């Protein structure tokens, strides 16, 4: 069975990593939980079952991390993942160093659904070692090909992990939205001048408070993420209301309809709506360059869709 890791949710990927680690280390593996600094680690303490081999298994405190991406053919060597001070691994090095100095970590395992070459692997391990104090021999990186190999050796991992396709994020085609965002970005300066001093809210069918309650969206997320982007709502509304932009209005409406269908199919009552929005937005960024280039504007348009009731529940009959 071929697993397309990019189509899994990050929770499914973490679950799969846990099951692999149970085979390698033993049943004492503790699942991924948020740490004090917000990072998510899994842990094992004791003598490993068979890793790195049966004769000389690791023995001590092992920290496990899983880094999932929904990018196709992503690489360990991409700049956002490795190679500069703001990369994900660089940020994790600070956490690893703190754990190592506090004697809460003796070995480190990093799993990522990315490609890793034989040339890059020792370079990254050496870099992690130099930035944390942990010996490079106590660091192991697992890429997509290594995950494939381990799953062939331990096929029962797939049975135990919850990889139900219905629980995976919905696939998204960003093409129509990218056209809208690109055109809107071109008009943005002109619209700023046109809308100066004007700040009408988007049309909506229910109040913000009702909307958030119906969709299980936390007030804190609305205040920190959505409300600041509402300054762009007037220009979005003006853009969509201009007669010459009717073709883009059609693309906007098609996109909103598609996103609404994906969110409806994916959501469940226990999932906060902001989790769905964030995953959706991240998948859009990963799938289109123009959306990544205009991240703030893309977020503003998605939030506009939400506040305008183009996506999300808008009455009690839909909850």
C-alpha atoms as a PDB file:
ATOM      1  CA  UNK A   1       0.000   0.000   0.000  1.00  0.00           C
ATOM      2  CA  UNK A   2       1.518   3.300  -1.121  1.00  0.00           C
ATOM      3  CA  UNK A   3       0.990   6.106   1.379  1.00  0.00           C
ATOM      4  CA  UNK A   4       0.800   9.663   0.065  1.00  0.00           C
ATOM      5  CA  UNK A   5       2.001  11.390   3.206  1.00  0.00           C
ATOM      6  CA  UNK A   6       1.156  14.886   1.956  1.00  0.00           C
ATOM      7  CA  UNK A   7      -2.527  13.890   1.824  1.00  0.00           C
ATOM      8  CA  UNK A   8      -2.592  12.978   5.528  1.00  0.00           C
ATOM      9  CA  UNK A   9      -3.539  15.443   8.233  1.00  0.00           C
ATOM     10  CA  UNK A  10      -0.718  16.350  10.606  1.00  0.00           C
ATOM     11  CA  UNK A  11      -2.500  14.364  13.338  1.00  0.00           C
ATOM     12  CA  UNK A  12      -2.633  11.273  11.116  1.00  0.00           C
ATOM     13  CA  UNK A  13       1.048  11.699  10.298  1.00  0.00           C
ATOM     14  CA  UNK A  14       1.882  11.954  13.991  1.00  0.00           C
ATOM     15  CA  UNK A  15      -0.150   8.808  14.694  1.00  0.00           C
ATOM     16  CA  UNK A  16       1.726   6.938  11.975  1.00  0.00           C
ATOM     17  CA  UNK A  17       5.078   8.068  13.417  1.00  0.00           C
ATOM     18  CA  UNK A  18       4.007   6.892  16.881  1.00  0.00           C
ATOM     19  CA  UNK A  19       3.172   3.419  15.564  1.00  0.00           C
ATOM     20  CA  UNK A  20       6.551   3.205  13.811  1.00  0.00           C
ATOM     21  CA  UNK A  21       8.329   4.267  16.994  1.00  0.00           C
ATOM     22  CA  UNK A  22       6.453   1.624  18.998  1.00  0.00           C
ATOM     23  CA  UNK A  23       7.972  -0.978  16.658  1.00  0.00           C
ATOM     24  CA  UNK A  24      11.460   0.541  16.926  1.00  0.00           C
ATOM     25  CA  UNK A  25      11.527   1.547  20.590  1.00  0.00           C
ATOM     26  CA  UNK A  26       8.741  -0.276  22.426  1.00  0.00           C
ATOM     27  CA  UNK A  27       5.293   0.168  23.904  1.00  0.00           C
ATOM     28  CA  UNK A  28       6.519   2.880  26.280  1.00  0.00           C
ATOM     29  CA  UNK A  29       6.344   5.547  23.556  1.00  0.00           C
ATOM     30  CA  UNK A  30       4.235   8.461  24.795  1.00  0.00           C
ATOM     31  CA  UNK A  31       2.220  10.264  22.110  1.00  0.00           C
ATOM     32  CA  UNK A  32       2.602  13.773  20.790  1.00  0.00           C
ATOM     33  CA  UNK A  33       1.550  16.476  23.226  1.00  0.00           C
ATOM     34  CA  UNK A  34       2.205  20.241  23.301  1.00  0.00           C
ATOM     35  CA  UNK A  35       5.187  21.278  25.401  1.00  0.00           C
ATOM     36  CA  UNK A  36       5.516  24.406  27.526  1.00  0.00           C
ATOM     37  CA  UNK A  37       6.808  26.322  24.503  1.00  0.00           C
ATOM     38  CA  UNK A  38       4.064  25.088  22.191  1.00  0.00           C
ATOM     39  CA  UNK A  39       6.146  22.447  20.391  1.00  0.00           C
ATOM     40  CA  UNK A  40       4.806  18.915  20.019  1.00  0.00           C
ATOM     41  CA  UNK A  41       7.019  16.034  21.149  1.00  0.00           C
ATOM     42  CA  UNK A  42       6.610  12.311  21.648  1.00  0.00           C
ATOM     43  CA  UNK A  43       8.903  10.616  24.137  1.00  0.00           C
ATOM     44  CA  UNK A  44      10.399   7.296  25.165  1.00  0.00           C
ATOM     45  CA  UNK A  45      12.574   6.532  28.166  1.00  0.00           C
ATOM     46  CA  UNK A  46      14.388   3.256  28.691  1.00  0.00           C
ATOM     47  CA  UNK A  47      16.066   0.644  26.486  1.00  0.00           C
ATOM     48  CA  UNK A  48      14.937   0.694  22.860  1.00  0.00           C
ATOM     49  CA  UNK A  49      13.448  -2.479  21.467  1.00  0.00           C
ATOM     50  CA  UNK A  50      15.619  -2.700  18.357  1.00  0.00           C
ATOM     51  CA  UNK A  51      16.893   0.737  17.395  1.00  0.00           C
ATOM     52  CA  UNK A  52      19.340   1.448  15.899  1.00  0.00           C
ATOM     53  CA  UNK A  53      19.949  -2.319  16.006  1.00  0.00           C
ATOM     54  CA  UNK A  54      19.323  -5.356  18.189  1.00  0.00           C
ATOM     55  CA  UNK A  55      22.883  -5.560  19.507  1.00  0.00           C
ATOM     56  CA  UNK A  56      23.382  -1.908  20.537  1.00  0.00           C
ATOM     57  CA  UNK A  57      19.972  -0.299  21.108  1.00  0.00           C
ATOM     58  CA  UNK A  58      19.660   3.247  22.374  1.00  0.00           C
ATOM     59  CA  UNK A  59      19.134   3.445  26.134  1.00  0.00           C
ATOM     60  CA  UNK A  60      17.966   6.694  27.692  1.00  0.00           C
ATOM     61  CA  UNK A  61      15.593   9.596  27.089  1.00  0.00           C
ATOM     62  CA  UNK A  62      14.477   9.820  23.467  1.00  0.00           C
ATOM     63  CA  UNK A  63      12.542  12.766  22.068  1.00  0.00           C
ATOM     64  CA  UNK A  64      10.588  12.230  18.843  1.00  0.00           C
ATOM     65  CA  UNK A  65       9.321  14.940  16.527  1.00  0.00           C
ATOM     66  CA  UNK A  66       7.138  14.713  13.429  1.00  0.00           C
ATOM     67  CA  UNK A  67       7.112  17.516  10.871  1.00  0.00           C
ATOM     68  CA  UNK A  68       4.351  17.150   8.307  1.00  0.00           C
ATOM     69  CA  UNK A  69       3.900  19.130   5.111  1.00  0.00           C
ATOM     70  CA  UNK A  70       1.233  18.876   2.431  1.00  0.00           C
ATOM     71  CA  UNK A  71       3.699  20.050  -0.216  1.00  0.00           C
ATOM     72  CA  UNK A  72       4.423  17.638  -3.026  1.00  0.00           C
ATOM     73  CA  UNK A  73       8.061  16.502  -3.264  1.00  0.00           C
ATOM     74  CA  UNK A  74       9.208  18.710  -0.400  1.00  0.00           C
ATOM     75  CA  UNK A  75      12.844  18.499   0.674  1.00  0.00           C
ATOM     76  CA  UNK A  76      14.781  18.702   3.938  1.00  0.00           C
ATOM     77  CA  UNK A  77      17.080  21.233   2.296  1.00  0.00           C
ATOM     78  CA  UNK A  78      14.375  23.817   1.526  1.00  0.00           C
ATOM     79  CA  UNK A  79      15.185  27.131   3.184  1.00  0.00           C
ATOM     80  CA  UNK A  80      12.021  27.211   5.276  1.00  0.00           C
ATOM     81  CA  UNK A  81      12.954  23.848   6.785  1.00  0.00           C
ATOM     82  CA  UNK A  82      16.741  24.004   7.079  1.00  0.00           C
ATOM     83  CA  UNK A  83      19.614  26.359   6.399  1.00  0.00           C
ATOM     84  CA  UNK A  84      18.795  29.672   8.066  1.00  0.00           C
ATOM     85  CA  UNK A  85      18.006  31.039  11.517  1.00  0.00           C
ATOM     86  CA  UNK A  86      14.257  31.218  10.869  1.00  0.00           C
ATOM     87  CA  UNK A  87      13.915  27.680   9.482  1.00  0.00           C
ATOM     88  CA  UNK A  88      11.865  25.077  11.323  1.00  0.00           C
ATOM     89  CA  UNK A  89      14.863  22.971  12.293  1.00  0.00           C
ATOM     90  CA  UNK A  90      16.745  26.042  13.540  1.00  0.00           C
ATOM     91  CA  UNK A  91      13.797  26.905  15.764  1.00  0.00           C
ATOM     92  CA  UNK A  92      13.633  23.329  17.016  1.00  0.00           C
ATOM     93  CA  UNK A  93      17.348  23.410  17.851  1.00  0.00           C
ATOM     94  CA  UNK A  94      16.628  25.926  20.585  1.00  0.00           C
ATOM     95  CA  UNK A  95      14.129  23.515  22.153  1.00  0.00           C
ATOM     96  CA  UNK A  96      16.463  20.526  21.748  1.00  0.00           C
ATOM     97  CA  UNK A  97      19.301  22.443  23.392  1.00  0.00           C
ATOM     98  CA  UNK A  98      17.108  23.396  26.358  1.00  0.00           C
ATOM     99  CA  UNK A  99      15.945  19.800  26.809  1.00  0.00           C
ATOM    100  CA  UNK A 100      19.499  18.475  26.471  1.00  0.00           C
ATOM    101  CA  UNK A 101      20.896  20.923  29.016  1.00  0.00           C
ATOM    102  CA  UNK A 102      18.059  20.055  31.393  1.00  0.00           C
ATOM    103  CA  UNK A 103      18.977  16.364  30.985  1.00  0.00           C
ATOM    104  CA  UNK A 104      15.532  15.617  29.555  1.00  0.00           C
ATOM    105  CA  UNK A 105      16.899  14.453  26.198  1.00  0.00           C
ATOM    106  CA  UNK A 106      19.707  12.073  25.239  1.00  0.00           C
ATOM    107  CA  UNK A 107      18.584  11.028  21.755  1.00  0.00           C
ATOM    108  CA  UNK A 108      16.609  12.819  19.066  1.00  0.00           C
ATOM    109  CA  UNK A 109      14.505  11.407  16.202  1.00  0.00           C
ATOM    110  CA  UNK A 110      13.009  13.678  13.533  1.00  0.00           C
ATOM    111  CA  UNK A 111      10.438  12.315  11.064  1.00  0.00           C
ATOM    112  CA  UNK A 112       9.369  14.407   8.054  1.00  0.00           C
ATOM    113  CA  UNK A 113       7.575  13.582   4.818  1.00  0.00           C
ATOM    114  CA  UNK A 114      10.330  15.242   2.837  1.00  0.00           C
ATOM    115  CA  UNK A 115      13.151  13.991   0.615  1.00  0.00           C
ATOM    116  CA  UNK A 116      16.633  13.748   2.100  1.00  0.00           C
ATOM    117  CA  UNK A 117      19.795  12.973   0.141  1.00  0.00           C
ATOM    118  CA  UNK A 118      22.809  11.095   1.433  1.00  0.00           C
ATOM    119  CA  UNK A 119      24.872  14.271   1.033  1.00  0.00           C
ATOM    120  CA  UNK A 120      22.500  16.517   2.966  1.00  0.00           C
ATOM    121  CA  UNK A 121      21.718  14.113   5.822  1.00  0.00           C
ATOM    122  CA  UNK A 122      25.114  14.275   7.638  1.00  0.00           C
ATOM    123  CA  UNK A 123      25.265  18.040   7.092  1.00  0.00           C
ATOM    124  CA  UNK A 124      21.931  18.569   8.844  1.00  0.00           C
ATOM    125  CA  UNK A 125      22.811  16.151  11.653  1.00  0.00           C
ATOM    126  CA  UNK A 126      26.111  17.980  12.185  1.00  0.00           C
ATOM    127  CA  UNK A 127      24.299  21.320  12.190  1.00  0.00           C
ATOM    128  CA  UNK A 128      21.803  20.132  14.808  1.00  0.00           C
ATOM    129  CA  UNK A 129      24.657  18.749  16.897  1.00  0.00           C
ATOM    130  CA  UNK A 130      26.658  21.984  16.781  1.00  0.00           C
ATOM    131  CA  UNK A 131      23.618  24.058  17.758  1.00  0.00           C
ATOM    132  CA  UNK A 132      22.420  21.835  20.597  1.00  0.00           C
ATOM    133  CA  UNK A 133      25.414  20.046  22.117  1.00  0.00           C
ATOM    134  CA  UNK A 134      23.880  16.658  21.335  1.00  0.00           C
ATOM    135  CA  UNK A 135      26.239  14.187  19.655  1.00  0.00           C
ATOM    136  CA  UNK A 136      25.475  13.639  15.974  1.00  0.00           C
ATOM    137  CA  UNK A 137      25.477   9.880  16.667  1.00  0.00           C
ATOM    138  CA  UNK A 138      22.436  10.456  18.885  1.00  0.00           C
ATOM    139  CA  UNK A 139      20.455  12.204  16.147  1.00  0.00           C
ATOM    140  CA  UNK A 140      18.460  10.418  13.447  1.00  0.00           C
ATOM    141  CA  UNK A 141      16.534  11.903  10.519  1.00  0.00           C
ATOM    142  CA  UNK A 142      13.779   9.955   8.759  1.00  0.00           C
ATOM    143  CA  UNK A 143      12.557  11.077   5.328  1.00  0.00           C
ATOM    144  CA  UNK A 144       9.772   9.799   3.066  1.00  0.00           C
ATOM    145  CA  UNK A 145      11.840   6.968   1.618  1.00  0.00           C
ATOM    146  CA  UNK A 146      12.834   5.819   5.095  1.00  0.00           C
ATOM    147  CA  UNK A 147       9.185   5.913   6.150  1.00  0.00           C
ATOM    148  CA  UNK A 148       8.321   3.758   3.127  1.00  0.00           C
ATOM    149  CA  UNK A 149      11.013   1.255   4.082  1.00  0.00           C
ATOM    150  CA  UNK A 150       9.871   1.058   7.698  1.00  0.00           C
ATOM    151  CA  UNK A 151       6.228   0.594   6.721  1.00  0.00           C
ATOM    152  CA  UNK A 152       7.183  -2.302   4.460  1.00  0.00           C
ATOM    153  CA  UNK A 153       9.026  -3.875   7.386  1.00  0.00           C
ATOM    154  CA  UNK A 154       6.234  -3.129   9.869  1.00  0.00           C
ATOM    155  CA  UNK A 155       2.979  -3.186   7.864  1.00  0.00           C
ATOM    156  CA  UNK A 156       0.873  -3.486  11.025  1.00  0.00           C
ATOM    157  CA  UNK A 157       1.655   0.174  11.698  1.00  0.00           C
ATOM    158  CA  UNK A 158      -0.770   1.055   8.931  1.00  0.00           C
ATOM    159  CA  UNK A 159      -3.506  -1.026  10.531  1.00  0.00           C
ATOM    160  CA  UNK A 160      -3.049   0.587  13.930  1.00  0.00           C
ATOM    161  CA  UNK A 161      -2.720   4.172  12.712  1.00  0.00           C
ATOM    162  CA  UNK A 162      -5.934   6.035  11.987  1.00  0.00           C
ATOM    163  CA  UNK A 163      -5.513   6.725   8.270  1.00  0.00           C
ATOM    164  CA  UNK A 164      -9.191   6.810   7.353  1.00  0.00           C
ATOM    165  CA  UNK A 165      -9.343   8.972   4.173  1.00  0.00           C
ATOM    166  CA  UNK A 166     -12.503  10.615   5.501  1.00  0.00           C
ATOM    167  CA  UNK A 167     -10.391  12.149   8.278  1.00  0.00           C
ATOM    168  CA  UNK A 168      -7.770  13.548   5.916  1.00  0.00           C
ATOM    169  CA  UNK A 169      -7.907  17.207   4.865  1.00  0.00           C
ATOM    170  CA  UNK A 170      -9.934  17.817   1.738  1.00  0.00           C
ATOM    171  CA  UNK A 171      -7.917  18.270  -1.431  1.00  0.00           C
ATOM    172  CA  UNK A 172      -7.983  21.850  -2.672  1.00  0.00           C
ATOM    173  CA  UNK A 173      -7.465  23.405  -6.099  1.00  0.00           C
ATOM    174  CA  UNK A 174      -6.172  26.961  -5.529  1.00  0.00           C
ATOM    175  CA  UNK A 175      -6.310  28.082  -9.168  1.00  0.00           C
ATOM    176  CA  UNK A 176      -9.504  30.188  -9.086  1.00  0.00           C
ATOM    177  CA  UNK A 177      -8.658  31.854  -5.786  1.00  0.00           C
ATOM    178  CA  UNK A 178      -5.128  32.628  -7.014  1.00  0.00           C
ATOM    179  CA  UNK A 179      -6.591  34.511  -9.995  1.00  0.00           C
ATOM    180  CA  UNK A 180      -8.807  36.564  -7.699  1.00  0.00           C
ATOM    181  CA  UNK A 181      -5.953  37.331  -5.292  1.00  0.00           C
ATOM    182  CA  UNK A 182      -3.536  38.261  -8.093  1.00  0.00           C
ATOM    183  CA  UNK A 183      -6.013  40.678  -9.660  1.00  0.00           C
ATOM    184  CA  UNK A 184      -7.004  42.109  -6.294  1.00  0.00           C
ATOM    185  CA  UNK A 185      -3.335  42.680  -5.450  1.00  0.00           C
ATOM    186  CA  UNK A 186      -2.903  44.607  -8.724  1.00  0.00           C
ATOM    187  CA  UNK A 187      -5.809  46.877  -7.847  1.00  0.00           C
ATOM    188  CA  UNK A 188      -4.942  47.220  -4.165  1.00  0.00           C
ATOM    189  CA  UNK A 189      -3.218  50.613  -4.292  1.00  0.00           C
ATOM    190  CA  UNK A 190      -5.931  52.084  -6.504  1.00  0.00           C
ATOM    191  CA  UNK A 191      -8.592  50.652  -4.211  1.00  0.00           C
ATOM    192  CA  UNK A 192      -6.852  52.041  -1.124  1.00  0.00           C
ATOM    193  CA  UNK A 193      -7.105  55.517  -2.597  1.00  0.00           C
ATOM    194  CA  UNK A 194     -10.678  54.945  -3.779  1.00  0.00           C
ATOM    195  CA  UNK A 195     -11.828  53.680  -0.381  1.00  0.00           C
ATOM    196  CA  UNK A 196      -9.953  56.172   1.809  1.00  0.00           C
ATOM    197  CA  UNK A 197     -12.110  57.073   4.803  1.00  0.00           C
ATOM    198  CA  UNK A 198     -14.731  54.460   3.937  1.00  0.00           C
ATOM    199  CA  UNK A 199     -14.998  51.357   6.097  1.00  0.00           C
ATOM    200  CA  UNK A 200     -18.245  49.456   5.486  1.00  0.00           C
ATOM    201  CA  UNK A 201     -18.432  45.931   6.926  1.00  0.00           C
ATOM    202  CA  UNK A 202     -19.093  42.945   4.668  1.00  0.00           C
ATOM    203  CA  UNK A 203     -22.695  41.993   4.170  1.00  0.00           C
ATOM    204  CA  UNK A 204     -23.626  39.219   6.553  1.00  0.00           C
ATOM    205  CA  UNK A 205     -26.690  37.251   7.507  1.00  0.00           C
ATOM    206  CA  UNK A 206     -25.907  36.857  11.218  1.00  0.00           C
ATOM    207  CA  UNK A 207     -23.888  38.769  13.805  1.00  0.00           C
ATOM    208  CA  UNK A 208     -20.227  37.914  14.325  1.00  0.00           C
ATOM    209  CA  UNK A 209     -21.005  36.539  17.789  1.00  0.00           C
ATOM    210  CA  UNK A 210     -23.718  34.256  16.422  1.00  0.00           C
ATOM    211  CA  UNK A 211     -21.533  33.203  13.517  1.00  0.00           C
ATOM    212  CA  UNK A 212     -18.637  32.235  15.787  1.00  0.00           C
ATOM    213  CA  UNK A 213     -20.904  30.326  18.154  1.00  0.00           C
ATOM    214  CA  UNK A 214     -22.578  28.415  15.309  1.00  0.00           C
ATOM    215  CA  UNK A 215     -19.203  27.401  13.906  1.00  0.00           C
ATOM    216  CA  UNK A 216     -17.358  26.693  17.151  1.00  0.00           C
ATOM    217  CA  UNK A 217     -14.784  29.374  16.387  1.00  0.00           C
ATOM    218  CA  UNK A 218     -13.019  30.710  19.470  1.00  0.00           C
ATOM    219  CA  UNK A 219     -13.334  34.394  20.315  1.00  0.00           C
ATOM    220  CA  UNK A 220      -9.578  34.615  20.911  1.00  0.00           C
ATOM    221  CA  UNK A 221      -8.845  33.474  17.341  1.00  0.00           C
ATOM    222  CA  UNK A 222     -11.371  35.936  15.951  1.00  0.00           C
ATOM    223  CA  UNK A 223      -9.846  38.848  17.873  1.00  0.00           C
ATOM    224  CA  UNK A 224      -6.195  38.004  17.113  1.00  0.00           C
ATOM    225  CA  UNK A 225      -6.445  36.732  13.546  1.00  0.00           C
ATOM    226  CA  UNK A 226      -9.658  37.792  11.821  1.00  0.00           C
ATOM    227  CA  UNK A 227     -10.387  41.223  13.276  1.00  0.00           C
ATOM    228  CA  UNK A 228      -7.021  42.781  12.230  1.00  0.00           C
ATOM    229  CA  UNK A 229      -7.599  41.620   8.639  1.00  0.00           C
ATOM    230  CA  UNK A 230     -11.011  43.333   8.530  1.00  0.00           C
ATOM    231  CA  UNK A 231      -9.275  46.578   7.538  1.00  0.00           C
ATOM    232  CA  UNK A 232      -8.985  45.025   4.067  1.00  0.00           C
ATOM    233  CA  UNK A 233     -12.684  44.149   3.836  1.00  0.00           C
ATOM    234  CA  UNK A 234     -13.774  47.478   2.264  1.00  0.00           C
ATOM    235  CA  UNK A 235     -11.380  47.138  -0.668  1.00  0.00           C
ATOM    236  CA  UNK A 236     -12.347  43.471  -1.157  1.00  0.00           C
ATOM    237  CA  UNK A 237     -16.004  44.426  -1.149  1.00  0.00           C
ATOM    238  CA  UNK A 238     -15.396  47.284  -3.568  1.00  0.00           C
ATOM    239  CA  UNK A 239     -13.388  45.031  -5.878  1.00  0.00           C
ATOM    240  CA  UNK A 240     -16.135  42.399  -5.955  1.00  0.00           C
ATOM    241  CA  UNK A 241     -18.786  45.072  -6.486  1.00  0.00           C
ATOM    242  CA  UNK A 242     -17.126  46.690  -9.506  1.00  0.00           C
ATOM    243  CA  UNK A 243     -18.920  45.787 -12.787  1.00  0.00           C
ATOM    244  CA  UNK A 244     -15.685  45.264 -14.706  1.00  0.00           C
ATOM    245  CA  UNK A 245     -14.637  42.554 -12.248  1.00  0.00           C
ATOM    246  CA  UNK A 246     -17.614  40.263 -12.828  1.00  0.00           C
ATOM    247  CA  UNK A 247     -15.375  37.466 -14.118  1.00  0.00           C
ATOM    248  CA  UNK A 248     -13.446  37.554 -10.845  1.00  0.00           C
ATOM    249  CA  UNK A 249     -16.676  37.640  -8.856  1.00  0.00           C
ATOM    250  CA  UNK A 250     -17.616  34.380 -10.564  1.00  0.00           C
ATOM    251  CA  UNK A 251     -14.245  32.886  -9.610  1.00  0.00           C
ATOM    252  CA  UNK A 252     -14.672  34.129  -6.040  1.00  0.00           C
ATOM    253  CA  UNK A 253     -18.136  32.569  -5.777  1.00  0.00           C
ATOM    254  CA  UNK A 254     -16.934  29.292  -7.284  1.00  0.00           C
ATOM    255  CA  UNK A 255     -14.023  29.183  -4.848  1.00  0.00           C
ATOM    256  CA  UNK A 256     -16.231  29.980  -1.853  1.00  0.00           C
ATOM    257  CA  UNK A 257     -18.647  27.237  -2.878  1.00  0.00           C
ATOM    258  CA  UNK A 258     -15.823  24.712  -3.229  1.00  0.00           C
ATOM    259  CA  UNK A 259     -14.208  25.653   0.083  1.00  0.00           C
ATOM    260  CA  UNK A 260     -17.577  25.483   1.820  1.00  0.00           C
ATOM    261  CA  UNK A 261     -18.115  21.960   0.486  1.00  0.00           C
ATOM    262  CA  UNK A 262     -14.623  20.865   1.590  1.00  0.00           C
ATOM    263  CA  UNK A 263     -15.048  22.342   5.072  1.00  0.00           C
ATOM    264  CA  UNK A 264     -18.478  20.771   5.489  1.00  0.00           C
ATOM    265  CA  UNK A 265     -17.187  17.352   4.466  1.00  0.00           C
ATOM    266  CA  UNK A 266     -14.130  17.571   6.694  1.00  0.00           C
ATOM    267  CA  UNK A 267     -15.456  19.119   9.881  1.00  0.00           C
ATOM    268  CA  UNK A 268     -16.818  17.396  12.941  1.00  0.00           C
ATOM    269  CA  UNK A 269     -18.400  18.790  16.090  1.00  0.00           C
ATOM    270  CA  UNK A 270     -15.216  18.348  18.161  1.00  0.00           C
ATOM    271  CA  UNK A 271     -12.913  20.259  15.791  1.00  0.00           C
ATOM    272  CA  UNK A 272     -12.575  24.010  16.405  1.00  0.00           C
ATOM    273  CA  UNK A 273     -13.401  25.860  13.209  1.00  0.00           C
ATOM    274  CA  UNK A 274     -10.175  27.843  13.353  1.00  0.00           C
ATOM    275  CA  UNK A 275      -8.255  24.550  13.044  1.00  0.00           C
ATOM    276  CA  UNK A 276     -10.081  23.866   9.780  1.00  0.00           C
ATOM    277  CA  UNK A 277      -9.436  27.397   8.518  1.00  0.00           C
ATOM    278  CA  UNK A 278      -5.736  27.272   9.379  1.00  0.00           C
ATOM    279  CA  UNK A 279      -5.225  23.895   7.727  1.00  0.00           C
ATOM    280  CA  UNK A 280      -7.128  25.064   4.662  1.00  0.00           C
ATOM    281  CA  UNK A 281      -5.083  28.266   4.423  1.00  0.00           C
ATOM    282  CA  UNK A 282      -1.796  26.374   4.836  1.00  0.00           C
ATOM    283  CA  UNK A 283      -2.769  23.947   2.077  1.00  0.00           C
ATOM    284  CA  UNK A 284      -3.599  26.862  -0.209  1.00  0.00           C
ATOM    285  CA  UNK A 285      -0.211  28.476   0.487  1.00  0.00           C
ATOM    286  CA  UNK A 286       1.611  25.211  -0.154  1.00  0.00           C
ATOM    287  CA  UNK A 287      -0.131  24.670  -3.465  1.00  0.00           C
ATOM    288  CA  UNK A 288       0.198  28.066  -5.123  1.00  0.00           C
ATOM    289  CA  UNK A 289       3.057  30.570  -5.434  1.00  0.00           C
ATOM    290  CA  UNK A 290       0.821  33.612  -5.946  1.00  0.00           C
ATOM    291  CA  UNK A 291      -1.075  32.879  -2.740  1.00  0.00           C
ATOM    292  CA  UNK A 292       2.191  32.485  -0.804  1.00  0.00           C
ATOM    293  CA  UNK A 293       3.369  35.804  -2.273  1.00  0.00           C
ATOM    294  CA  UNK A 294       0.196  37.509  -1.029  1.00  0.00           C
ATOM    295  CA  UNK A 295      -0.318  35.752   2.301  1.00  0.00           C
ATOM    296  CA  UNK A 296      -1.944  38.654   4.143  1.00  0.00           C
ATOM    297  CA  UNK A 297      -4.351  39.363   1.300  1.00  0.00           C
ATOM    298  CA  UNK A 298      -5.213  35.661   0.937  1.00  0.00           C
ATOM    299  CA  UNK A 299      -6.025  35.447   4.628  1.00  0.00           C
ATOM    300  CA  UNK A 300      -8.130  38.594   4.374  1.00  0.00           C
ATOM    301  CA  UNK A 301     -10.182  37.123   1.509  1.00  0.00           C
ATOM    302  CA  UNK A 302     -10.743  33.814   3.358  1.00  0.00           C
ATOM    303  CA  UNK A 303     -11.810  35.713   6.480  1.00  0.00           C
ATOM    304  CA  UNK A 304     -14.043  37.917   4.326  1.00  0.00           C
ATOM    305  CA  UNK A 305     -15.722  34.767   3.023  1.00  0.00           C
ATOM    306  CA  UNK A 306     -16.300  33.676   6.600  1.00  0.00           C
ATOM    307  CA  UNK A 307     -17.639  36.999   7.862  1.00  0.00           C
ATOM    308  CA  UNK A 308     -19.818  37.394   4.773  1.00  0.00           C
ATOM    309  CA  UNK A 309     -21.292  33.930   5.399  1.00  0.00           C
ATOM    310  CA  UNK A 310     -19.953  32.616   2.094  1.00  0.00           C
ATOM    311  CA  UNK A 311     -18.333  29.812   4.106  1.00  0.00           C
ATOM    312  CA  UNK A 312     -19.275  28.433   7.500  1.00  0.00           C
ATOM    313  CA  UNK A 313     -22.596  27.731   9.145  1.00  0.00           C
ATOM    314  CA  UNK A 314     -24.974  30.702   9.138  1.00  0.00           C
ATOM    315  CA  UNK A 315     -28.062  29.360  10.909  1.00  0.00           C
ATOM    316  CA  UNK A 316     -28.974  26.732  13.469  1.00  0.00           C
ATOM    317  CA  UNK A 317     -30.391  24.395  10.847  1.00  0.00           C
ATOM    318  CA  UNK A 318     -26.832  23.715   9.602  1.00  0.00           C
ATOM    319  CA  UNK A 319     -25.203  22.778  12.884  1.00  0.00           C
END
